[in-house]
Amino acid sequence: MALRSPLLPGAAPRLSAADLNALTDARIGIVKTALQLTSEQDKYWPSIEEAIRSRAKERQTRLADTAARVAEMRDRSPIEILRDRNPVEFMNRRSDALAQRAAELKKLASAWHPLYQILSADQRRRLGFLAVFAVREMRDAVEQRRVETGDDEDWD
């Protein structure tokens, strides 16, 4: 079941958990295929895949939590929401989320480290291309979300 955007009543449906899992599977497959791992290199892959899946699962949890918070505000008027806004709670939530994401990214980097050390120059180049492409896609998705939700406040 696809989730609808809680902020935009007429917005396109959000991806379901099954869709997000399929997307994670596809991304993992793309990276592994692009790297063309040798049998020696392949022994490092399970920990990388586990870290990728863990990070994706945590992201799904964050998205669900955000959707739940927004759903709680759905019945409130914009005036009430602005009046009752607590910037300290917002900064604490944001700080906790960033710390969690940093820990997830560190775990992913740690999982990649042993394999990266034995990748060939061509494999490193392909991995670098995929990383730049992924960062660009994430940046574009974040910017699109901000445009759709009107969220342009950073509070920092």
C-alpha atoms as a PDB file:
ATOM      1  CA  MET A   1       0.000   0.000   0.000  1.00  0.00           C
ATOM      2  CA  ALA A   2       1.535   3.281  -1.109  1.00  0.00           C
ATOM      3  CA  LEU A   3       1.590   6.138   1.360  1.00  0.00           C
ATOM      4  CA  ARG A   4       0.135   9.474   0.247  1.00  0.00           C
ATOM      5  CA  SER A   5       2.004  12.632   0.982  1.00  0.00           C
ATOM      6  CA  PRO A   6       0.559  13.923   4.264  1.00  0.00           C
ATOM      7  CA  LEU A   7       1.563  17.469   3.419  1.00  0.00           C
ATOM      8  CA  LEU A   8       0.099  17.663  -0.051  1.00  0.00           C
ATOM      9  CA  PRO A   9      -3.386  16.166  -0.341  1.00  0.00           C
ATOM     10  CA  GLY A  10      -3.192  15.902  -4.144  1.00  0.00           C
ATOM     11  CA  ALA A  11       0.440  14.777  -4.255  1.00  0.00           C
ATOM     12  CA  ALA A  12       1.584  11.649  -6.016  1.00  0.00           C
ATOM     13  CA  PRO A  13       1.595   8.491  -3.906  1.00  0.00           C
ATOM     14  CA  ARG A  14       4.688   7.759  -1.854  1.00  0.00           C
ATOM     15  CA  LEU A  15       6.529   4.491  -2.250  1.00  0.00           C
ATOM     16  CA  SER A  16       5.389   1.602  -0.091  1.00  0.00           C
ATOM     17  CA  ALA A  17       7.765  -0.333   2.161  1.00  0.00           C
ATOM     18  CA  ALA A  18       7.835  -3.120  -0.443  1.00  0.00           C
ATOM     19  CA  ASP A  19       8.698  -0.570  -3.136  1.00  0.00           C
ATOM     20  CA  LEU A  20      11.500   0.861  -1.002  1.00  0.00           C
ATOM     21  CA  ASN A  21      12.857  -2.653  -0.354  1.00  0.00           C
ATOM     22  CA  ALA A  22      12.785  -3.385  -4.083  1.00  0.00           C
ATOM     23  CA  LEU A  23      14.609  -0.117  -4.735  1.00  0.00           C
ATOM     24  CA  THR A  24      17.260  -1.060  -2.158  1.00  0.00           C
ATOM     25  CA  ASP A  25      17.646  -4.482  -3.821  1.00  0.00           C
ATOM     26  CA  ALA A  26      18.077  -2.793  -7.205  1.00  0.00           C
ATOM     27  CA  ARG A  27      20.653  -0.325  -5.886  1.00  0.00           C
ATOM     28  CA  ILE A  28      22.646  -3.128  -4.275  1.00  0.00           C
ATOM     29  CA  GLY A  29      22.501  -5.096  -7.507  1.00  0.00           C
ATOM     30  CA  ILE A  30      23.683  -2.113  -9.547  1.00  0.00           C
ATOM     31  CA  VAL A  31      26.677  -1.495  -7.291  1.00  0.00           C
ATOM     32  CA  LYS A  32      27.697  -5.142  -7.158  1.00  0.00           C
ATOM     33  CA  THR A  33      27.296  -5.555 -10.920  1.00  0.00           C
ATOM     34  CA  ALA A  34      29.245  -2.374 -11.650  1.00  0.00           C
ATOM     35  CA  LEU A  35      32.126  -3.503  -9.441  1.00  0.00           C
ATOM     36  CA  GLN A  36      32.423  -6.974 -11.008  1.00  0.00           C
ATOM     37  CA  LEU A  37      33.967  -8.389  -7.836  1.00  0.00           C
ATOM     38  CA  THR A  38      36.524 -11.164  -7.924  1.00  0.00           C
ATOM     39  CA  SER A  39      35.956 -14.227  -5.739  1.00  0.00           C
ATOM     40  CA  GLU A  40      38.467 -12.857  -3.201  1.00  0.00           C
ATOM     41  CA  GLN A  41      36.725  -9.472  -3.126  1.00  0.00           C
ATOM     42  CA  ASP A  42      33.280 -11.056  -2.918  1.00  0.00           C
ATOM     43  CA  LYS A  43      33.950 -12.320   0.612  1.00  0.00           C
ATOM     44  CA  TYR A  44      33.777  -8.685   1.823  1.00  0.00           C
ATOM     45  CA  TRP A  45      30.415  -8.064   0.189  1.00  0.00           C
ATOM     46  CA  PRO A  46      28.022  -9.498   2.864  1.00  0.00           C
ATOM     47  CA  SER A  47      29.011  -6.899   5.482  1.00  0.00           C
ATOM     48  CA  ILE A  48      28.602  -4.100   2.929  1.00  0.00           C
ATOM     49  CA  GLU A  49      25.203  -5.359   1.866  1.00  0.00           C
ATOM     50  CA  GLU A  50      24.130  -5.673   5.506  1.00  0.00           C
ATOM     51  CA  ALA A  51      25.205  -2.069   6.187  1.00  0.00           C
ATOM     52  CA  ILE A  52      23.366  -0.827   3.080  1.00  0.00           C
ATOM     53  CA  ARG A  53      20.187  -2.659   4.095  1.00  0.00           C
ATOM     54  CA  SER A  54      20.452  -1.466   7.687  1.00  0.00           C
ATOM     55  CA  ARG A  55      20.815   2.129   6.531  1.00  0.00           C
ATOM     56  CA  ALA A  56      17.842   1.772   4.170  1.00  0.00           C
ATOM     57  CA  LYS A  57      15.707   0.278   6.965  1.00  0.00           C
ATOM     58  CA  GLU A  58      16.609   3.148   9.306  1.00  0.00           C
ATOM     59  CA  ARG A  59      15.676   5.617   6.564  1.00  0.00           C
ATOM     60  CA  GLN A  60      12.290   3.928   6.179  1.00  0.00           C
ATOM     61  CA  THR A  61      11.773   4.233   9.934  1.00  0.00           C
ATOM     62  CA  ARG A  62      12.645   7.946   9.842  1.00  0.00           C
ATOM     63  CA  LEU A  63      10.232   8.500   6.945  1.00  0.00           C
ATOM     64  CA  ALA A  64       7.443   6.693   8.806  1.00  0.00           C
ATOM     65  CA  ASP A  65       8.121   8.723  11.958  1.00  0.00           C
ATOM     66  CA  THR A  66       8.014  11.962   9.976  1.00  0.00           C
ATOM     67  CA  ALA A  67       4.775  10.934   8.280  1.00  0.00           C
ATOM     68  CA  ALA A  68       3.262  10.134  11.692  1.00  0.00           C
ATOM     69  CA  ARG A  69       4.260  13.555  13.076  1.00  0.00           C
ATOM     70  CA  VAL A  70       2.789  15.283  10.048  1.00  0.00           C
ATOM     71  CA  ALA A  71      -0.391  13.203  10.310  1.00  0.00           C
ATOM     72  CA  GLU A  72      -0.793  14.378  13.909  1.00  0.00           C
ATOM     73  CA  MET A  73      -0.776  17.964  12.651  1.00  0.00           C
ATOM     74  CA  ARG A  74      -3.186  17.319   9.782  1.00  0.00           C
ATOM     75  CA  ASP A  75      -6.266  18.371  11.763  1.00  0.00           C
ATOM     76  CA  ARG A  76      -4.641  21.538  13.087  1.00  0.00           C
ATOM     77  CA  SER A  77      -4.776  24.872  11.351  1.00  0.00           C
ATOM     78  CA  PRO A  78      -1.564  26.477  10.041  1.00  0.00           C
ATOM     79  CA  ILE A  79      -2.009  29.211  12.659  1.00  0.00           C
ATOM     80  CA  GLU A  80      -2.116  26.643  15.484  1.00  0.00           C
ATOM     81  CA  ILE A  81       0.918  24.857  14.120  1.00  0.00           C
ATOM     82  CA  LEU A  82       2.917  28.089  13.913  1.00  0.00           C
ATOM     83  CA  ARG A  83       1.726  29.269  17.333  1.00  0.00           C
ATOM     84  CA  ASP A  84       2.600  25.994  19.043  1.00  0.00           C
ATOM     85  CA  ARG A  85       5.939  25.461  17.252  1.00  0.00           C
ATOM     86  CA  ASN A  86       8.761  24.622  19.636  1.00  0.00           C
ATOM     87  CA  PRO A  87      12.118  25.385  17.992  1.00  0.00           C
ATOM     88  CA  VAL A  88      14.077  23.747  20.822  1.00  0.00           C
ATOM     89  CA  GLU A  89      12.246  20.438  20.349  1.00  0.00           C
ATOM     90  CA  PHE A  90      12.765  20.779  16.591  1.00  0.00           C
ATOM     91  CA  MET A  91      16.520  21.323  17.037  1.00  0.00           C
ATOM     92  CA  ASN A  92      16.750  18.349  19.407  1.00  0.00           C
ATOM     93  CA  ARG A  93      14.847  16.098  16.986  1.00  0.00           C
ATOM     94  CA  ARG A  94      17.017  17.315  14.109  1.00  0.00           C
ATOM     95  CA  SER A  95      20.216  16.798  16.113  1.00  0.00           C
ATOM     96  CA  ASP A  96      19.200  13.264  17.070  1.00  0.00           C
ATOM     97  CA  ALA A  97      18.324  12.456  13.450  1.00  0.00           C
ATOM     98  CA  LEU A  98      21.631  13.806  12.174  1.00  0.00           C
ATOM     99  CA  ALA A  99      23.585  11.885  14.818  1.00  0.00           C
ATOM    100  CA  GLN A 100      21.762   8.691  13.868  1.00  0.00           C
ATOM    101  CA  ARG A 101      22.430   9.263  10.169  1.00  0.00           C
ATOM    102  CA  ALA A 102      26.100   9.993  10.904  1.00  0.00           C
ATOM    103  CA  ALA A 103      26.418   6.721  12.833  1.00  0.00           C
ATOM    104  CA  GLU A 104      24.762   4.810   9.980  1.00  0.00           C
ATOM    105  CA  LEU A 105      27.086   6.389   7.432  1.00  0.00           C
ATOM    106  CA  LYS A 106      30.124   5.603   9.592  1.00  0.00           C
ATOM    107  CA  LYS A 107      29.004   1.970   9.801  1.00  0.00           C
ATOM    108  CA  LEU A 108      28.646   1.870   6.013  1.00  0.00           C
ATOM    109  CA  ALA A 109      32.091   3.422   5.492  1.00  0.00           C
ATOM    110  CA  SER A 110      33.606   0.910   7.919  1.00  0.00           C
ATOM    111  CA  ALA A 111      31.988  -1.953   6.010  1.00  0.00           C
ATOM    112  CA  TRP A 112      33.340  -0.645   2.696  1.00  0.00           C
ATOM    113  CA  HIS A 113      36.879   0.006   3.941  1.00  0.00           C
ATOM    114  CA  PRO A 114      38.383  -3.521   3.655  1.00  0.00           C
ATOM    115  CA  LEU A 115      36.951  -4.083   0.183  1.00  0.00           C
ATOM    116  CA  TYR A 116      37.909  -0.636  -1.073  1.00  0.00           C
ATOM    117  CA  GLN A 117      41.548  -1.332  -0.174  1.00  0.00           C
ATOM    118  CA  ILE A 118      41.707  -4.206  -2.673  1.00  0.00           C
ATOM    119  CA  LEU A 119      39.599  -2.770  -5.509  1.00  0.00           C
ATOM    120  CA  SER A 120      41.342  -2.199  -8.818  1.00  0.00           C
ATOM    121  CA  ALA A 121      41.666   1.312 -10.244  1.00  0.00           C
ATOM    122  CA  ASP A 122      38.784   0.604 -12.640  1.00  0.00           C
ATOM    123  CA  GLN A 123      36.572  -0.664  -9.821  1.00  0.00           C
ATOM    124  CA  ARG A 124      37.372   2.411  -7.719  1.00  0.00           C
ATOM    125  CA  ARG A 125      36.507   4.668 -10.647  1.00  0.00           C
ATOM    126  CA  ARG A 126      33.161   2.904 -11.142  1.00  0.00           C
ATOM    127  CA  LEU A 127      32.407   3.082  -7.411  1.00  0.00           C
ATOM    128  CA  GLY A 128      33.304   6.782  -7.409  1.00  0.00           C
ATOM    129  CA  PHE A 129      30.943   7.420 -10.308  1.00  0.00           C
ATOM    130  CA  LEU A 130      28.112   5.599  -8.542  1.00  0.00           C
ATOM    131  CA  ALA A 131      28.753   7.531  -5.313  1.00  0.00           C
ATOM    132  CA  VAL A 132      28.684  10.912  -7.103  1.00  0.00           C
ATOM    133  CA  PHE A 133      25.563   9.894  -8.995  1.00  0.00           C
ATOM    134  CA  ALA A 134      23.840   8.748  -5.784  1.00  0.00           C
ATOM    135  CA  VAL A 135      24.728  11.942  -3.914  1.00  0.00           C
ATOM    136  CA  ARG A 136      23.418  14.044  -6.787  1.00  0.00           C
ATOM    137  CA  GLU A 137      20.181  12.050  -6.854  1.00  0.00           C
ATOM    138  CA  MET A 138      19.738  12.398  -3.072  1.00  0.00           C
ATOM    139  CA  ARG A 139      20.404  16.132  -3.242  1.00  0.00           C
ATOM    140  CA  ASP A 140      17.850  16.532  -6.014  1.00  0.00           C
ATOM    141  CA  ALA A 141      15.279  14.458  -4.091  1.00  0.00           C
ATOM    142  CA  VAL A 142      15.784  16.542  -0.944  1.00  0.00           C
ATOM    143  CA  GLU A 143      15.438  19.764  -2.902  1.00  0.00           C
ATOM    144  CA  GLN A 144      12.285  18.474  -4.586  1.00  0.00           C
ATOM    145  CA  ARG A 145      10.830  17.539  -1.173  1.00  0.00           C
ATOM    146  CA  ARG A 146      11.560  21.010   0.131  1.00  0.00           C
ATOM    147  CA  VAL A 147       9.856  22.598  -2.865  1.00  0.00           C
ATOM    148  CA  GLU A 148       6.814  20.340  -2.505  1.00  0.00           C
ATOM    149  CA  THR A 149       6.446  20.893   1.234  1.00  0.00           C
ATOM    150  CA  GLY A 150       7.501  24.525   1.388  1.00  0.00           C
ATOM    151  CA  ASP A 151      10.107  23.533   3.978  1.00  0.00           C
ATOM    152  CA  ASP A 152      12.818  26.135   3.644  1.00  0.00           C
ATOM    153  CA  GLU A 153      13.632  26.747   7.284  1.00  0.00           C
ATOM    154  CA  ASP A 154      16.861  25.317   8.678  1.00  0.00           C
ATOM    155  CA  TRP A 155      16.672  26.772  12.200  1.00  0.00           C
ATOM    156  CA  ASP A 156      20.426  27.079  12.402  1.00  0.00           C
END
